Amino acid sequence: MPNFQKMYFIAAGAIADALDEMDKLNVGTAKERLREALYHAEEVYISQGEDGPDDSPESLEK
């Protein structure tokens, strides 16, 4: 099962960092922080998400 808590902390930290950068008018840096967090959270999901039976296409059809 994916570690949603870890993905949440990755996203929340990046959002906080991006908001700080936006306050400084560093929009490019803010965007990069969000992109990196998205990539990292997706990696967590992909690496841990394949083990659970609820992720199978068959279970989604029910």
N, C-alpha and C. Protein backbone atom coordinates (compact mmCIF):
# COMPACT_ATOMS: atom_id res chain seq x y z
N MET A 1 0.84 -1.17 0.00
CA MET A 1 0.00 0.00 0.00
C MET A 1 0.89 1.24 0.00
N PRO A 2 0.54 2.25 -0.80
CA PRO A 2 1.35 3.46 -0.86
C PRO A 2 1.37 4.19 0.47
N ASN A 3 2.46 4.82 0.76
CA ASN A 3 2.63 5.57 2.00
C ASN A 3 2.12 7.00 1.77
N PHE A 4 0.81 7.18 1.96
CA PHE A 4 0.20 8.47 1.69
C PHE A 4 0.68 9.54 2.66
N GLN A 5 1.02 9.14 3.88
CA GLN A 5 1.52 10.11 4.85
C GLN A 5 2.84 10.71 4.35
N LYS A 6 3.72 9.87 3.83
CA LYS A 6 5.00 10.35 3.31
C LYS A 6 4.77 11.28 2.12
N MET A 7 3.85 10.89 1.23
CA MET A 7 3.57 11.72 0.06
C MET A 7 2.97 13.06 0.49
N TYR A 8 2.13 13.05 1.52
CA TYR A 8 1.55 14.29 2.04
C TYR A 8 2.65 15.22 2.56
N PHE A 9 3.56 14.67 3.36
CA PHE A 9 4.63 15.51 3.91
C PHE A 9 5.53 16.08 2.81
N ILE A 10 5.78 15.30 1.77
CA ILE A 10 6.55 15.80 0.64
C ILE A 10 5.83 16.99 0.01
N ALA A 11 4.54 16.81 -0.25
CA ALA A 11 3.76 17.87 -0.90
C ALA A 11 3.62 19.09 0.00
N ALA A 12 3.29 18.89 1.26
CA ALA A 12 3.09 20.01 2.17
C ALA A 12 4.38 20.82 2.34
N GLY A 13 5.50 20.14 2.47
CA GLY A 13 6.78 20.84 2.59
C GLY A 13 7.09 21.66 1.35
N ALA A 14 6.83 21.09 0.20
CA ALA A 14 7.10 21.80 -1.05
C ALA A 14 6.18 23.00 -1.22
N ILE A 15 4.94 22.85 -0.82
CA ILE A 15 4.00 23.97 -0.91
C ILE A 15 4.46 25.11 -0.01
N ALA A 16 4.86 24.78 1.21
CA ALA A 16 5.35 25.81 2.13
C ALA A 16 6.59 26.51 1.57
N ASP A 17 7.52 25.72 1.04
CA ASP A 17 8.73 26.30 0.44
C ASP A 17 8.38 27.17 -0.76
N ALA A 18 7.47 26.70 -1.59
CA ALA A 18 7.08 27.45 -2.79
C ALA A 18 6.40 28.76 -2.41
N LEU A 19 5.55 28.74 -1.39
CA LEU A 19 4.91 29.98 -0.95
C LEU A 19 5.93 30.99 -0.44
N ASP A 20 6.94 30.48 0.28
CA ASP A 20 8.01 31.37 0.75
C ASP A 20 8.75 31.99 -0.43
N GLU A 21 9.03 31.17 -1.44
CA GLU A 21 9.72 31.69 -2.62
C GLU A 21 8.85 32.69 -3.38
N MET A 22 7.56 32.44 -3.44
CA MET A 22 6.66 33.36 -4.13
C MET A 22 6.58 34.69 -3.39
N ASP A 23 6.64 34.67 -2.05
CA ASP A 23 6.67 35.92 -1.29
C ASP A 23 7.89 36.75 -1.65
N LYS A 24 8.97 36.08 -2.04
CA LYS A 24 10.20 36.77 -2.44
C LYS A 24 10.21 37.06 -3.95
N LEU A 25 9.10 36.74 -4.62
CA LEU A 25 8.95 36.92 -6.07
C LEU A 25 9.88 36.02 -6.87
N ASN A 26 10.25 34.89 -6.29
CA ASN A 26 11.07 33.89 -6.99
C ASN A 26 10.15 32.80 -7.56
N VAL A 27 9.40 33.17 -8.56
CA VAL A 27 8.40 32.25 -9.13
C VAL A 27 9.05 31.02 -9.75
N GLY A 28 10.16 31.21 -10.43
CA GLY A 28 10.84 30.07 -11.05
C GLY A 28 11.30 29.05 -10.02
N THR A 29 11.85 29.53 -8.92
CA THR A 29 12.28 28.63 -7.86
C THR A 29 11.09 27.92 -7.23
N ALA A 30 10.00 28.65 -7.05
CA ALA A 30 8.79 28.05 -6.48
C ALA A 30 8.27 26.94 -7.38
N LYS A 31 8.22 27.19 -8.68
CA LYS A 31 7.76 26.17 -9.62
C LYS A 31 8.67 24.94 -9.58
N GLU A 32 9.96 25.16 -9.50
CA GLU A 32 10.90 24.04 -9.48
C GLU A 32 10.73 23.21 -8.21
N ARG A 33 10.50 23.85 -7.08
CA ARG A 33 10.28 23.10 -5.83
C ARG A 33 9.04 22.22 -5.95
N LEU A 34 7.98 22.76 -6.54
CA LEU A 34 6.75 21.99 -6.71
C LEU A 34 6.94 20.84 -7.68
N ARG A 35 7.67 21.08 -8.77
CA ARG A 35 7.94 20.00 -9.74
C ARG A 35 8.74 18.87 -9.09
N GLU A 36 9.76 19.23 -8.32
CA GLU A 36 10.58 18.22 -7.64
C GLU A 36 9.75 17.42 -6.65
N ALA A 37 8.87 18.09 -5.92
CA ALA A 37 8.02 17.38 -4.95
C ALA A 37 7.05 16.45 -5.65
N LEU A 38 6.48 16.90 -6.75
CA LEU A 38 5.57 16.06 -7.51
C LEU A 38 6.29 14.80 -7.99
N TYR A 39 7.48 14.98 -8.54
CA TYR A 39 8.26 13.85 -9.01
C TYR A 39 8.58 12.90 -7.85
N HIS A 40 9.01 13.45 -6.73
CA HIS A 40 9.37 12.62 -5.57
C HIS A 40 8.16 11.86 -5.03
N ALA A 41 7.02 12.54 -4.92
CA ALA A 41 5.81 11.88 -4.44
C ALA A 41 5.35 10.78 -5.40
N GLU A 42 5.47 11.04 -6.69
CA GLU A 42 5.12 10.01 -7.68
C GLU A 42 6.04 8.81 -7.56
N GLU A 43 7.31 9.04 -7.31
CA GLU A 43 8.25 7.94 -7.13
C GLU A 43 7.89 7.10 -5.91
N VAL A 44 7.48 7.75 -4.83
CA VAL A 44 7.05 7.03 -3.63
C VAL A 44 5.83 6.18 -3.97
N TYR A 45 4.87 6.76 -4.66
CA TYR A 45 3.65 6.04 -5.01
C TYR A 45 3.95 4.84 -5.91
N ILE A 46 4.75 5.07 -6.94
CA ILE A 46 5.07 4.00 -7.89
C ILE A 46 5.85 2.88 -7.22
N SER A 47 6.80 3.24 -6.39
CA SER A 47 7.64 2.21 -5.76
C SER A 47 6.89 1.39 -4.72
N GLN A 48 5.86 1.96 -4.12
CA GLN A 48 5.13 1.26 -3.07
C GLN A 48 3.72 0.86 -3.49
N GLY A 49 3.23 1.40 -4.58
CA GLY A 49 1.84 1.21 -4.95
C GLY A 49 1.54 -0.09 -5.67
N GLU A 50 2.54 -0.83 -6.08
CA GLU A 50 2.27 -2.03 -6.86
C GLU A 50 2.00 -3.26 -6.00
N ASP A 51 2.20 -3.16 -4.69
CA ASP A 51 2.06 -4.33 -3.83
C ASP A 51 0.63 -4.60 -3.39
N GLY A 52 -0.21 -3.58 -3.36
CA GLY A 52 -1.55 -3.74 -2.81
C GLY A 52 -2.53 -4.33 -3.81
N PRO A 53 -3.40 -5.26 -3.36
CA PRO A 53 -4.39 -5.85 -4.26
C PRO A 53 -5.43 -4.83 -4.70
N ASP A 54 -5.65 -3.76 -3.95
CA ASP A 54 -6.65 -2.76 -4.31
C ASP A 54 -6.22 -1.91 -5.51
N ASP A 55 -4.96 -2.00 -5.90
CA ASP A 55 -4.48 -1.24 -7.03
C ASP A 55 -4.65 -1.96 -8.35
N SER A 56 -5.11 -3.19 -8.32
CA SER A 56 -5.22 -3.95 -9.56
C SER A 56 -6.41 -3.48 -10.38
N PRO A 57 -6.33 -3.57 -11.70
CA PRO A 57 -7.45 -3.16 -12.54
C PRO A 57 -8.73 -3.93 -12.24
N GLU A 58 -8.60 -5.20 -11.84
CA GLU A 58 -9.77 -6.00 -11.53
C GLU A 58 -10.55 -5.44 -10.35
N SER A 59 -9.83 -4.97 -9.32
CA SER A 59 -10.51 -4.44 -8.13
C SER A 59 -11.16 -3.09 -8.43
N LEU A 60 -10.65 -2.35 -9.38
CA LEU A 60 -11.24 -1.07 -9.73
C LEU A 60 -12.55 -1.23 -10.48
N GLU A 61 -12.75 -2.36 -11.16
CA GLU A 61 -13.97 -2.59 -11.92
C GLU A 61 -15.14 -2.95 -11.04
N LYS A 62 -14.90 -3.39 -9.83
CA LYS A 62 -15.98 -3.84 -8.94
C LYS A 62 -16.68 -2.70 -8.28
